[in-house]
Amino acid sequence: MTPFVAPRRTEQVLLDVIQQATKELFIVSFVAYDVPSVIAAINAAALRGVEVRILVEASLTQGGSLLVDPVATMRGAVPSAKLYAWTDRPHPFTNGRVHAKVAVADDAMAFLTSANLTGHALEKNMEAGVLVVGGHIPSRLRDHLHALIETKIIHPA
């Protein structure tokens, strides 16, 4: 921490975004594991009636790049979530990855961060992020994520 910036931990900001969701929560991360506080908050949002969507990188066996299976991990941790993966990657995206780290609550709040949904990223790493509340950016980001589904760029996992 420096005297020039008044930061909050990534986990605190992400939990706030999740807790603010009233209708929809869309989370994107390369990987997701070892984050019990975030999983608990996502499940609590689902119990409140929030529709939860999660996009993660797929495993090698599913056409992704990871030896681990974030889809299976999230399916077990957040059973009510709609899970997505980017598996059919046309040229020039053949070796591309789901590398974005984003959380959008409704169309009113968006958190863009360098942190994956992992214990190390949320508790130990030096990460950076920007929280956007209001304005057109959260709704445009939400619309973009939905367009990825509607145009079948990302698929239900």
Foldseek 3Di string as FASTA:
>chain_A
DDPPDDDDFPVVVLLVQLQPAQAEKEWEFQAADAQVVNLVSNQVNVVNVHAYEYEYFADVVQQGPHPDGRVVVCCVSRVRHFYKYQRDQDPPCNNPGRHWTKMAGDQFKIKGKNAGNHPCRRPPDDIDIDIGGGDRVSNVVVVVVVVCDVVVSMDGD
